[in-house]
């Protein structure tokens, strides 16, 4: 699985640094560093929403407040299958 987080200026202002840090912590806590590749990228073209995140190419809008729920629903649910 590949998670890509936008770290461009618009997403940075919306908290992309916090999203990346929390995703890294969640990957560590769940021993998923070998299973999930976490990467950064610049603009994903959805700047009007929250922090742009893709999981295997599927777009999501995440905030520092919703990152735990996002991880549970979009990452843990898929790697647990």
N, C-alpha and C. Protein backbone atom coordinates (compact mmCIF):
# COMPACT_ATOMS: atom_id res chain seq x y z
N UNK A 1 0.85 -1.18 0.00
CA UNK A 1 0.00 0.00 0.00
C UNK A 1 0.89 1.23 0.00
N UNK A 2 0.48 2.24 -0.76
CA UNK A 2 1.23 3.49 -0.79
C UNK A 2 0.31 4.65 -0.39
N UNK A 3 0.73 5.39 0.62
CA UNK A 3 0.03 6.60 1.06
C UNK A 3 0.90 7.78 0.66
N UNK A 4 0.29 8.73 -0.06
CA UNK A 4 1.00 9.94 -0.47
C UNK A 4 0.29 11.14 0.12
N UNK A 5 1.04 12.01 0.77
CA UNK A 5 0.48 13.20 1.40
C UNK A 5 1.05 14.43 0.72
N UNK A 6 0.17 15.35 0.32
CA UNK A 6 0.62 16.60 -0.28
C UNK A 6 1.30 17.45 0.79
N UNK A 7 2.46 17.96 0.44
CA UNK A 7 3.18 18.85 1.35
C UNK A 7 3.38 20.22 0.70
N UNK A 8 2.57 20.50 -0.32
CA UNK A 8 2.61 21.81 -0.98
C UNK A 8 2.13 22.89 -0.04
N UNK A 9 2.26 24.14 -0.45
CA UNK A 9 1.99 25.27 0.45
C UNK A 9 0.55 25.30 0.96
N UNK A 10 -0.44 25.05 0.12
CA UNK A 10 -1.83 25.10 0.57
C UNK A 10 -2.11 24.00 1.60
N UNK A 11 -1.65 22.79 1.33
CA UNK A 11 -1.86 21.69 2.28
C UNK A 11 -1.01 21.89 3.54
N UNK A 12 0.16 22.47 3.38
CA UNK A 12 1.00 22.76 4.55
C UNK A 12 0.25 23.67 5.52
N UNK A 13 -0.38 24.70 4.99
CA UNK A 13 -1.15 25.63 5.82
C UNK A 13 -2.31 24.90 6.51
N UNK A 14 -2.87 23.88 5.86
CA UNK A 14 -4.00 23.13 6.41
C UNK A 14 -3.57 22.01 7.36
N UNK A 15 -2.25 21.85 7.56
CA UNK A 15 -1.77 20.90 8.57
C UNK A 15 -1.13 19.63 8.05
N UNK A 16 -0.60 19.66 6.83
CA UNK A 16 -0.03 18.43 6.28
C UNK A 16 1.13 17.89 7.12
N UNK A 17 1.89 18.75 7.74
CA UNK A 17 2.99 18.27 8.59
C UNK A 17 2.46 17.42 9.74
N UNK A 18 1.38 17.87 10.36
CA UNK A 18 0.78 17.12 11.46
C UNK A 18 0.19 15.80 10.96
N UNK A 19 -0.40 15.82 9.77
CA UNK A 19 -0.96 14.60 9.19
C UNK A 19 0.15 13.59 8.94
N UNK A 20 1.25 14.02 8.35
CA UNK A 20 2.38 13.13 8.08
C UNK A 20 2.93 12.56 9.39
N UNK A 21 3.15 13.42 10.37
CA UNK A 21 3.71 12.97 11.66
C UNK A 21 2.79 11.95 12.32
N UNK A 22 1.49 12.20 12.28
CA UNK A 22 0.55 11.26 12.91
C UNK A 22 0.47 9.95 12.14
N UNK A 23 0.47 10.02 10.81
CA UNK A 23 0.46 8.79 10.02
C UNK A 23 1.71 7.96 10.30
N UNK A 24 2.86 8.62 10.39
CA UNK A 24 4.09 7.89 10.70
C UNK A 24 4.01 7.22 12.06
N UNK A 25 3.47 7.94 13.05
CA UNK A 25 3.32 7.36 14.38
C UNK A 25 2.37 6.17 14.36
N UNK A 26 1.26 6.29 13.63
CA UNK A 26 0.30 5.18 13.54
C UNK A 26 0.90 3.98 12.82
N UNK A 27 1.69 4.22 11.79
CA UNK A 27 2.36 3.12 11.11
C UNK A 27 3.33 2.42 12.07
N UNK A 28 4.07 3.20 12.84
CA UNK A 28 5.00 2.63 13.83
C UNK A 28 4.24 1.82 14.87
N UNK A 29 3.18 2.39 15.43
CA UNK A 29 2.40 1.73 16.48
C UNK A 29 1.80 0.40 16.02
N UNK A 30 1.46 0.34 14.74
CA UNK A 30 0.81 -0.85 14.20
C UNK A 30 1.76 -1.75 13.41
N UNK A 31 3.06 -1.49 13.52
CA UNK A 31 4.09 -2.28 12.84
C UNK A 31 3.81 -2.45 11.35
N UNK A 32 3.49 -1.35 10.69
CA UNK A 32 3.15 -1.38 9.26
C UNK A 32 4.18 -0.73 8.36
N UNK A 33 5.35 -0.43 8.90
CA UNK A 33 6.37 0.26 8.10
C UNK A 33 6.86 -0.59 6.92
N UNK A 34 6.77 -1.90 7.03
CA UNK A 34 7.18 -2.77 5.93
C UNK A 34 6.05 -2.97 4.92
N UNK A 35 4.82 -2.74 5.35
CA UNK A 35 3.64 -2.98 4.52
C UNK A 35 3.18 -1.74 3.79
N UNK A 36 3.34 -0.58 4.42
CA UNK A 36 2.82 0.68 3.89
C UNK A 36 3.97 1.63 3.60
N UNK A 37 3.97 2.20 2.41
CA UNK A 37 4.97 3.19 2.00
C UNK A 37 4.33 4.57 2.15
N UNK A 38 4.89 5.40 3.03
CA UNK A 38 4.40 6.75 3.25
C UNK A 38 5.33 7.72 2.52
N UNK A 39 4.75 8.54 1.64
CA UNK A 39 5.56 9.47 0.85
C UNK A 39 4.90 10.84 0.82
N UNK A 40 5.70 11.83 0.50
CA UNK A 40 5.20 13.19 0.31
C UNK A 40 5.27 13.57 -1.16
N UNK A 41 4.44 14.52 -1.53
CA UNK A 41 4.44 15.02 -2.90
C UNK A 41 3.97 16.46 -2.87
N UNK A 42 4.16 17.14 -3.98
CA UNK A 42 3.61 18.48 -4.09
C UNK A 42 2.24 18.42 -4.73
N UNK A 43 1.62 19.50 -4.96
CA UNK A 43 0.21 19.66 -5.30
C UNK A 43 -0.44 18.47 -6.02
N UNK A 44 -1.55 18.02 -5.44
CA UNK A 44 -2.36 16.95 -6.02
C UNK A 44 -3.59 17.52 -6.72
N UNK A 45 -3.71 18.85 -6.74
CA UNK A 45 -4.78 19.49 -7.49
C UNK A 45 -6.13 19.58 -6.81
N UNK A 46 -6.18 19.33 -5.52
CA UNK A 46 -7.45 19.41 -4.78
C UNK A 46 -7.32 20.40 -3.63
N UNK A 47 -6.71 21.52 -3.88
CA UNK A 47 -6.34 22.48 -2.84
C UNK A 47 -7.53 23.08 -2.07
N UNK A 48 -8.72 23.06 -2.65
CA UNK A 48 -9.85 23.67 -1.99
C UNK A 48 -10.33 22.86 -0.79
N UNK A 49 -9.87 21.64 -0.65
CA UNK A 49 -10.31 20.79 0.45
C UNK A 49 -9.24 20.75 1.53
N UNK A 50 -9.26 19.74 2.39
CA UNK A 50 -8.26 19.60 3.44
C UNK A 50 -6.93 19.16 2.86
N UNK A 51 -6.11 18.55 3.67
CA UNK A 51 -4.83 18.03 3.22
C UNK A 51 -5.11 16.89 2.24
N UNK A 52 -4.51 16.97 1.07
CA UNK A 52 -4.72 15.96 0.03
C UNK A 52 -3.88 14.73 0.33
N UNK A 53 -4.55 13.58 0.40
CA UNK A 53 -3.89 12.31 0.67
C UNK A 53 -4.41 11.30 -0.34
N UNK A 54 -3.52 10.46 -0.86
CA UNK A 54 -3.97 9.36 -1.70
C UNK A 54 -3.53 8.05 -1.07
N UNK A 55 -4.37 7.05 -1.24
CA UNK A 55 -4.05 5.67 -0.84
C UNK A 55 -4.18 4.84 -2.10
N UNK A 56 -3.05 4.36 -2.59
CA UNK A 56 -3.02 3.60 -3.83
C UNK A 56 -3.77 4.32 -4.95
N UNK A 57 -3.59 5.65 -5.01
CA UNK A 57 -4.16 6.45 -6.08
C UNK A 57 -5.56 6.99 -5.82
N UNK A 58 -6.22 6.56 -4.75
CA UNK A 58 -7.57 7.05 -4.42
C UNK A 58 -7.43 8.28 -3.52
N UNK A 59 -8.13 9.37 -3.90
CA UNK A 59 -8.01 10.65 -3.21
C UNK A 59 -8.85 10.73 -1.94
N UNK A 60 -8.29 11.36 -0.91
CA UNK A 60 -8.98 11.64 0.35
C UNK A 60 -8.59 13.04 0.81
N UNK A 61 -9.48 13.66 1.54
CA UNK A 61 -9.20 14.95 2.17
C UNK A 61 -9.12 14.69 3.67
N UNK A 62 -7.97 14.96 4.27
CA UNK A 62 -7.72 14.63 5.67
C UNK A 62 -7.32 15.89 6.41
N UNK A 63 -7.69 15.98 7.67
CA UNK A 63 -7.25 17.08 8.52
C UNK A 63 -6.51 16.47 9.71
N UNK A 64 -5.76 17.29 10.45
CA UNK A 64 -5.13 16.75 11.66
C UNK A 64 -6.15 16.14 12.62
N UNK A 65 -7.38 16.65 12.59
CA UNK A 65 -8.42 16.13 13.48
C UNK A 65 -9.03 14.82 12.99
N UNK A 66 -8.95 14.52 11.70
CA UNK A 66 -9.57 13.31 11.16
C UNK A 66 -8.57 12.23 10.77
N UNK A 67 -7.29 12.46 11.00
CA UNK A 67 -6.28 11.52 10.52
C UNK A 67 -6.40 10.15 11.18
N UNK A 68 -6.74 10.08 12.46
CA UNK A 68 -6.87 8.78 13.13
C UNK A 68 -8.03 7.97 12.54
N UNK A 69 -9.15 8.63 12.31
CA UNK A 69 -10.30 7.95 11.71
C UNK A 69 -9.97 7.51 10.28
N UNK A 70 -9.31 8.37 9.53
CA UNK A 70 -8.87 8.03 8.17
C UNK A 70 -7.99 6.78 8.21
N UNK A 71 -7.03 6.75 9.12
CA UNK A 71 -6.12 5.61 9.21
C UNK A 71 -6.88 4.33 9.52
N UNK A 72 -7.78 4.41 10.46
CA UNK A 72 -8.57 3.23 10.84
C UNK A 72 -9.41 2.73 9.66
N UNK A 73 -10.10 3.64 8.97
CA UNK A 73 -11.04 3.25 7.91
C UNK A 73 -10.37 2.91 6.59
N UNK A 74 -9.29 3.60 6.24
CA UNK A 74 -8.71 3.45 4.92
C UNK A 74 -7.40 2.65 4.89
N UNK A 75 -6.74 2.56 6.01
CA UNK A 75 -5.49 1.81 6.03
C UNK A 75 -5.66 0.49 6.79
N UNK A 76 -6.03 0.58 8.06
CA UNK A 76 -6.16 -0.64 8.86
C UNK A 76 -7.20 -1.60 8.27
N UNK A 77 -8.31 -1.06 7.79
CA UNK A 77 -9.36 -1.91 7.23
C UNK A 77 -8.86 -2.69 6.02
N UNK A 78 -7.94 -2.09 5.27
CA UNK A 78 -7.45 -2.73 4.04
C UNK A 78 -6.27 -3.67 4.32
N UNK A 79 -5.41 -3.34 5.24
CA UNK A 79 -4.27 -4.23 5.51
C UNK A 79 -4.69 -5.41 6.38
N UNK A 80 -5.83 -5.31 7.04
CA UNK A 80 -6.32 -6.39 7.89
C UNK A 80 -7.00 -7.48 7.09
N UNK A 81 -7.31 -7.21 5.83
CA UNK A 81 -8.03 -8.20 4.99
C UNK A 81 -7.15 -9.36 4.64
